[in-house]
N, C-alpha and C. Protein backbone atom coordinates (compact mmCIF):
# COMPACT_ATOMS: atom_id res chain seq x y z
N MET A 1 65.30 38.34 105.88
CA MET A 1 64.98 37.87 107.19
C MET A 1 64.73 39.05 108.13
N HIS A 2 65.57 40.06 108.07
CA HIS A 2 65.40 41.19 108.97
C HIS A 2 64.14 41.99 108.65
N SER A 3 63.79 42.08 107.39
CA SER A 3 62.55 42.79 107.06
C SER A 3 61.35 42.08 107.65
N GLY A 4 61.37 40.76 107.65
CA GLY A 4 60.27 40.01 108.24
C GLY A 4 60.27 40.08 109.76
N ALA A 5 61.47 39.98 110.36
CA ALA A 5 61.56 39.97 111.82
C ALA A 5 61.27 41.36 112.40
N LEU A 6 61.88 42.39 111.83
CA LEU A 6 61.69 43.73 112.37
C LEU A 6 60.47 44.42 111.79
N GLY A 7 60.31 44.31 110.48
CA GLY A 7 59.24 45.04 109.81
C GLY A 7 57.87 44.42 109.96
N TRP A 8 57.80 43.13 110.19
CA TRP A 8 56.49 42.49 110.31
C TRP A 8 56.25 41.97 111.73
N VAL A 9 57.03 41.01 112.19
CA VAL A 9 56.77 40.38 113.48
C VAL A 9 56.89 41.39 114.62
N ALA A 10 57.96 42.17 114.64
CA ALA A 10 58.14 43.14 115.74
C ALA A 10 57.06 44.21 115.70
N MET A 11 56.75 44.74 114.53
CA MET A 11 55.76 45.81 114.46
C MET A 11 54.36 45.31 114.83
N ILE A 12 54.02 44.10 114.43
CA ILE A 12 52.71 43.54 114.82
C ILE A 12 52.67 43.31 116.33
N SER A 13 53.77 42.80 116.89
CA SER A 13 53.83 42.58 118.34
C SER A 13 53.74 43.90 119.10
N ILE A 14 54.42 44.91 118.60
CA ILE A 14 54.39 46.24 119.23
C ILE A 14 52.97 46.80 119.19
N GLY A 15 52.32 46.70 118.04
CA GLY A 15 50.94 47.17 117.92
C GLY A 15 50.00 46.44 118.87
N SER A 16 50.21 45.14 119.03
CA SER A 16 49.39 44.36 119.95
C SER A 16 49.57 44.83 121.38
N LEU A 17 50.81 45.11 121.76
CA LEU A 17 51.06 45.60 123.11
C LEU A 17 50.45 46.98 123.33
N TYR A 18 50.54 47.83 122.32
CA TYR A 18 49.93 49.16 122.45
C TYR A 18 48.41 49.05 122.58
N TYR A 19 47.82 48.02 122.04
CA TYR A 19 46.37 47.82 122.19
C TYR A 19 46.04 47.21 123.55
N LEU A 20 46.83 46.23 123.99
CA LEU A 20 46.49 45.47 125.19
C LEU A 20 46.84 46.17 126.51
N VAL A 21 47.98 46.82 126.57
CA VAL A 21 48.45 47.38 127.84
C VAL A 21 47.45 48.34 128.48
N PRO A 22 46.90 49.31 127.75
CA PRO A 22 45.94 50.20 128.43
C PRO A 22 44.70 49.45 128.93
N ARG A 23 44.26 48.48 128.20
CA ARG A 23 43.05 47.74 128.60
C ARG A 23 43.31 46.87 129.82
N LEU A 24 44.53 46.36 129.95
CA LEU A 24 44.86 45.54 131.11
C LEU A 24 44.97 46.36 132.38
N PHE A 25 45.21 47.65 132.24
CA PHE A 25 45.40 48.50 133.40
C PHE A 25 44.34 49.60 133.52
N GLY A 26 43.16 49.34 132.96
CA GLY A 26 42.01 50.21 133.15
C GLY A 26 42.15 51.61 132.58
N ARG A 27 42.81 51.75 131.47
CA ARG A 27 42.98 53.05 130.82
C ARG A 27 42.29 53.04 129.47
N GLU A 28 41.97 54.22 128.98
CA GLU A 28 41.35 54.33 127.67
C GLU A 28 42.39 54.20 126.55
N GLU A 29 43.58 54.73 126.80
CA GLU A 29 44.64 54.69 125.80
C GLU A 29 45.99 54.76 126.50
N MET A 30 47.05 54.71 125.71
CA MET A 30 48.41 54.78 126.26
C MET A 30 48.63 56.13 126.93
N TYR A 31 49.63 56.21 127.77
CA TYR A 31 49.99 57.44 128.47
C TYR A 31 50.18 58.59 127.49
N SER A 32 50.91 58.35 126.39
CA SER A 32 51.15 59.39 125.40
C SER A 32 50.99 58.82 123.99
N MET A 33 49.97 59.28 123.30
CA MET A 33 49.77 58.84 121.92
C MET A 33 50.81 59.47 120.99
N LYS A 34 51.36 60.63 121.39
CA LYS A 34 52.43 61.24 120.59
C LYS A 34 53.67 60.36 120.62
N LEU A 35 53.96 59.74 121.78
CA LEU A 35 55.09 58.82 121.86
C LEU A 35 54.85 57.57 121.01
N VAL A 36 53.61 57.14 120.93
CA VAL A 36 53.28 55.99 120.07
C VAL A 36 53.59 56.34 118.62
N ALA A 37 53.14 57.51 118.17
CA ALA A 37 53.40 57.93 116.79
C ALA A 37 54.89 58.13 116.54
N THR A 38 55.58 58.73 117.50
CA THR A 38 57.02 58.93 117.36
C THR A 38 57.73 57.58 117.27
N HIS A 39 57.34 56.65 118.14
CA HIS A 39 57.93 55.32 118.10
C HIS A 39 57.72 54.67 116.74
N PHE A 40 56.52 54.79 116.20
CA PHE A 40 56.24 54.19 114.89
C PHE A 40 57.19 54.73 113.83
N TRP A 41 57.32 56.05 113.77
CA TRP A 41 58.14 56.64 112.71
C TRP A 41 59.63 56.40 112.92
N VAL A 42 60.08 56.46 114.15
CA VAL A 42 61.51 56.19 114.42
C VAL A 42 61.83 54.74 114.06
N ALA A 43 60.97 53.81 114.49
CA ALA A 43 61.20 52.39 114.19
C ALA A 43 61.09 52.11 112.69
N THR A 44 60.14 52.73 112.02
CA THR A 44 59.98 52.52 110.58
C THR A 44 61.19 53.02 109.81
N ILE A 45 61.67 54.21 110.14
CA ILE A 45 62.86 54.73 109.48
C ILE A 45 64.06 53.83 109.78
N GLY A 46 64.17 53.36 111.01
CA GLY A 46 65.25 52.44 111.36
C GLY A 46 65.20 51.16 110.56
N VAL A 47 64.01 50.58 110.42
CA VAL A 47 63.87 49.34 109.65
C VAL A 47 64.22 49.58 108.18
N VAL A 48 63.76 50.68 107.62
CA VAL A 48 64.05 50.98 106.21
C VAL A 48 65.55 51.14 106.00
N LEU A 49 66.22 51.88 106.87
CA LEU A 49 67.67 52.03 106.75
C LEU A 49 68.38 50.69 106.88
N TYR A 50 67.97 49.90 107.85
CA TYR A 50 68.57 48.59 108.10
C TYR A 50 68.42 47.69 106.88
N ILE A 51 67.21 47.58 106.38
CA ILE A 51 66.93 46.66 105.28
C ILE A 51 67.57 47.16 103.98
N ALA A 52 67.41 48.44 103.68
CA ALA A 52 67.94 48.97 102.42
C ALA A 52 69.47 48.85 102.38
N SER A 53 70.13 49.14 103.49
CA SER A 53 71.59 49.05 103.49
C SER A 53 72.06 47.62 103.29
N MET A 54 71.38 46.67 103.90
CA MET A 54 71.78 45.27 103.73
C MET A 54 71.47 44.76 102.32
N TRP A 55 70.38 45.22 101.76
CA TRP A 55 70.04 44.81 100.41
C TRP A 55 71.07 45.35 99.42
N ILE A 56 71.40 46.62 99.52
CA ILE A 56 72.38 47.22 98.62
C ILE A 56 73.75 46.59 98.84
N ALA A 57 74.13 46.35 100.09
CA ALA A 57 75.41 45.71 100.37
C ALA A 57 75.47 44.31 99.77
N GLY A 58 74.38 43.59 99.84
CA GLY A 58 74.35 42.24 99.27
C GLY A 58 74.51 42.25 97.77
N VAL A 59 73.84 43.17 97.10
CA VAL A 59 73.98 43.28 95.64
C VAL A 59 75.42 43.68 95.27
N ALA A 60 75.94 44.69 95.98
CA ALA A 60 77.31 45.13 95.70
C ALA A 60 78.31 44.02 95.95
N GLN A 61 78.15 43.29 97.03
CA GLN A 61 79.06 42.19 97.34
C GLN A 61 78.97 41.09 96.28
N GLY A 62 77.76 40.77 95.87
CA GLY A 62 77.60 39.76 94.84
C GLY A 62 78.25 40.17 93.52
N LEU A 63 78.09 41.43 93.14
CA LEU A 63 78.72 41.90 91.91
C LEU A 63 80.25 41.90 92.02
N MET A 64 80.76 42.23 93.19
CA MET A 64 82.21 42.22 93.36
C MET A 64 82.76 40.80 93.31
N TRP A 65 82.02 39.83 93.87
CA TRP A 65 82.49 38.44 93.83
C TRP A 65 82.42 37.87 92.42
N ARG A 66 81.52 38.38 91.61
CA ARG A 66 81.40 37.88 90.23
C ARG A 66 82.44 38.48 89.29
N ALA A 67 82.99 39.63 89.65
CA ALA A 67 83.95 40.30 88.76
C ALA A 67 85.23 39.47 88.65
N SER A 68 85.64 39.27 87.44
CA SER A 68 86.87 38.50 87.23
C SER A 68 87.74 39.17 86.18
N ASN A 69 89.03 38.89 86.27
CA ASN A 69 90.01 39.39 85.32
C ASN A 69 89.97 38.52 84.06
N PRO A 70 90.58 39.01 82.98
CA PRO A 70 90.59 38.20 81.74
C PRO A 70 91.22 36.81 81.93
N ASP A 71 92.14 36.68 82.88
CA ASP A 71 92.77 35.36 83.10
C ASP A 71 91.94 34.46 84.01
N GLY A 72 90.77 34.93 84.47
CA GLY A 72 89.86 34.10 85.27
C GLY A 72 90.00 34.28 86.76
N THR A 73 90.96 35.06 87.22
CA THR A 73 91.09 35.29 88.65
C THR A 73 90.09 36.35 89.10
N LEU A 74 89.81 36.34 90.39
CA LEU A 74 88.87 37.32 90.93
C LEU A 74 89.48 38.71 90.93
N THR A 75 88.68 39.69 90.57
CA THR A 75 89.15 41.08 90.53
C THR A 75 89.36 41.62 91.94
N TYR A 76 88.49 41.25 92.87
CA TYR A 76 88.54 41.78 94.23
C TYR A 76 88.82 40.65 95.21
N GLY A 77 89.71 40.91 96.15
CA GLY A 77 89.97 39.96 97.22
C GLY A 77 88.96 40.12 98.35
N PHE A 78 89.01 39.20 99.30
CA PHE A 78 88.08 39.22 100.43
C PHE A 78 88.16 40.53 101.19
N ALA A 79 89.38 40.98 101.50
CA ALA A 79 89.56 42.21 102.27
C ALA A 79 89.03 43.43 101.51
N GLN A 80 89.19 43.45 100.21
CA GLN A 80 88.68 44.58 99.42
C GLN A 80 87.16 44.63 99.45
N VAL A 81 86.55 43.46 99.33
CA VAL A 81 85.09 43.40 99.39
C VAL A 81 84.60 43.83 100.78
N LEU A 82 85.25 43.34 101.81
CA LEU A 82 84.86 43.70 103.18
C LEU A 82 85.01 45.19 103.42
N ASN A 83 86.07 45.80 102.92
CA ASN A 83 86.25 47.24 103.07
C ASN A 83 85.13 48.04 102.40
N GLN A 84 84.60 47.54 101.31
CA GLN A 84 83.51 48.23 100.62
C GLN A 84 82.19 48.11 101.38
N MET A 85 82.09 47.18 102.31
CA MET A 85 80.85 46.97 103.06
C MET A 85 80.73 47.88 104.27
N TYR A 86 81.82 48.49 104.74
CA TYR A 86 81.78 49.30 105.96
C TYR A 86 80.73 50.41 105.94
N PRO A 87 80.59 51.18 104.86
CA PRO A 87 79.54 52.22 104.89
C PRO A 87 78.14 51.64 105.07
N PHE A 88 77.89 50.50 104.46
CA PHE A 88 76.57 49.87 104.59
C PHE A 88 76.36 49.34 106.00
N TYR A 89 77.42 48.81 106.61
CA TYR A 89 77.31 48.34 107.99
C TYR A 89 77.08 49.51 108.94
N THR A 90 77.64 50.66 108.63
CA THR A 90 77.42 51.86 109.46
C THR A 90 75.96 52.30 109.36
N ILE A 91 75.40 52.27 108.15
CA ILE A 91 73.98 52.62 107.97
C ILE A 91 73.10 51.60 108.68
N ARG A 92 73.50 50.34 108.62
CA ARG A 92 72.76 49.29 109.32
C ARG A 92 72.78 49.55 110.82
N LEU A 93 73.92 49.94 111.35
CA LEU A 93 74.03 50.27 112.77
C LEU A 93 73.11 51.43 113.13
N LEU A 94 73.10 52.46 112.31
CA LEU A 94 72.21 53.60 112.54
C LEU A 94 70.75 53.16 112.55
N GLY A 95 70.37 52.32 111.58
CA GLY A 95 69.00 51.82 111.54
C GLY A 95 68.65 51.01 112.77
N GLY A 96 69.58 50.15 113.21
CA GLY A 96 69.35 49.35 114.41
C GLY A 96 69.23 50.21 115.65
N LEU A 97 70.06 51.26 115.73
CA LEU A 97 69.98 52.17 116.88
C LEU A 97 68.66 52.94 116.89
N LEU A 98 68.18 53.33 115.72
CA LEU A 98 66.87 53.99 115.65
C LEU A 98 65.76 53.05 116.11
N PHE A 99 65.81 51.81 115.64
CA PHE A 99 64.80 50.83 116.06
C PHE A 99 64.86 50.62 117.57
N PHE A 100 66.06 50.47 118.10
CA PHE A 100 66.24 50.29 119.54
C PHE A 100 65.76 51.52 120.31
N GLY A 101 66.06 52.71 119.79
CA GLY A 101 65.58 53.93 120.42
C GLY A 101 64.06 53.98 120.47
N GLY A 102 63.42 53.52 119.41
CA GLY A 102 61.96 53.44 119.42
C GLY A 102 61.46 52.49 120.49
N MET A 103 62.17 51.39 120.69
CA MET A 103 61.77 50.44 121.72
C MET A 103 61.92 51.05 123.12
N LEU A 104 62.94 51.89 123.30
CA LEU A 104 63.09 52.58 124.59
C LEU A 104 61.93 53.55 124.82
N LEU A 105 61.50 54.24 123.74
CA LEU A 105 60.32 55.11 123.85
C LEU A 105 59.10 54.30 124.26
N MET A 106 58.95 53.13 123.65
CA MET A 106 57.82 52.27 123.98
C MET A 106 57.88 51.81 125.44
N ALA A 107 59.07 51.42 125.89
CA ALA A 107 59.21 50.96 127.28
C ALA A 107 58.81 52.07 128.25
N TYR A 108 59.24 53.29 127.99
CA TYR A 108 58.86 54.42 128.85
C TYR A 108 57.35 54.64 128.82
N ASN A 109 56.77 54.61 127.64
CA ASN A 109 55.33 54.83 127.49
C ASN A 109 54.53 53.74 128.19
N VAL A 110 54.96 52.50 128.06
CA VAL A 110 54.27 51.39 128.73
C VAL A 110 54.41 51.54 130.24
N TRP A 111 55.60 51.87 130.71
CA TRP A 111 55.83 52.04 132.14
C TRP A 111 54.93 53.13 132.71
N LYS A 112 54.85 54.26 132.02
CA LYS A 112 53.99 55.36 132.49
C LYS A 112 52.52 54.97 132.44
N THR A 113 52.12 54.22 131.42
CA THR A 113 50.72 53.78 131.33
C THR A 113 50.39 52.86 132.50
N ILE A 114 51.28 51.95 132.81
CA ILE A 114 51.05 51.01 133.91
C ILE A 114 51.07 51.73 135.25
N SER A 115 51.99 52.67 135.41
CA SER A 115 52.13 53.33 136.72
C SER A 115 50.95 54.22 137.08
N VAL A 116 50.25 54.77 136.09
CA VAL A 116 49.10 55.63 136.40
C VAL A 116 47.77 54.88 136.29
N GLY A 117 47.81 53.64 135.85
CA GLY A 117 46.59 52.84 135.72
C GLY A 117 46.42 51.92 136.91
N LYS A 118 45.37 51.12 136.84
CA LYS A 118 45.16 50.11 137.86
C LYS A 118 44.79 48.81 137.15
N ALA A 119 45.25 47.72 137.69
CA ALA A 119 44.99 46.43 137.07
C ALA A 119 43.50 46.13 137.10
N VAL A 120 43.02 45.54 136.02
CA VAL A 120 41.61 45.17 135.93
C VAL A 120 41.43 43.82 136.60
N ASN A 121 40.70 43.80 137.72
CA ASN A 121 40.51 42.56 138.48
C ASN A 121 39.07 42.07 138.45
N ASP A 122 38.16 42.82 137.87
CA ASP A 122 36.75 42.46 137.94
C ASP A 122 36.27 41.69 136.71
N ALA A 123 37.19 41.21 135.89
CA ALA A 123 36.78 40.46 134.70
C ALA A 123 36.28 39.09 135.14
N PRO A 124 35.13 38.65 134.60
CA PRO A 124 34.59 37.35 134.98
C PRO A 124 35.47 36.21 134.45
N ILE A 125 35.65 35.20 135.26
CA ILE A 125 36.41 34.01 134.84
C ILE A 125 35.40 32.92 134.51
N PRO A 126 35.39 32.47 133.26
CA PRO A 126 34.40 31.46 132.88
C PRO A 126 34.72 30.12 133.56
N ALA A 127 33.65 29.41 133.88
CA ALA A 127 33.81 28.07 134.47
C ALA A 127 34.29 27.11 133.41
N PRO A 128 35.10 26.14 133.80
CA PRO A 128 35.58 25.16 132.80
C PRO A 128 34.43 24.30 132.30
N ALA A 129 34.50 23.99 131.03
CA ALA A 129 33.45 23.14 130.42
C ALA A 129 33.77 21.68 130.74
N HIS A 130 32.73 20.97 131.21
CA HIS A 130 32.89 19.53 131.50
C HIS A 130 32.16 18.74 130.44
N ALA A 131 32.81 17.70 129.98
CA ALA A 131 32.18 16.88 128.93
C ALA A 131 31.23 15.88 129.49
């Protein structure tokens, strides 16, 4: 779910905004194209860390829940499994912070693009079609 939400929907939405914002405010491109590239790589690394850590944690958790003793009892208790997940949750946090940091870069870049541009007001408005 997170790979789809962050890696696909968010990145497509971000790309759309990077395309639309300069055009809406009479600019040729964003205030800083270097910030756009930095945002892309920071967010991409964040998504990869986030997704990979959760995938590995899920596999590890599943294997721990399947492990059983010869008498049929579970080898690992709930608390033991949860304790093994902490490193993966820390990596997930780092990935989320990187993604969020990229969004802050984008917010700054959009703000600067808007502040130095001017709104496009001369676009023709088509008349409504009457049947």
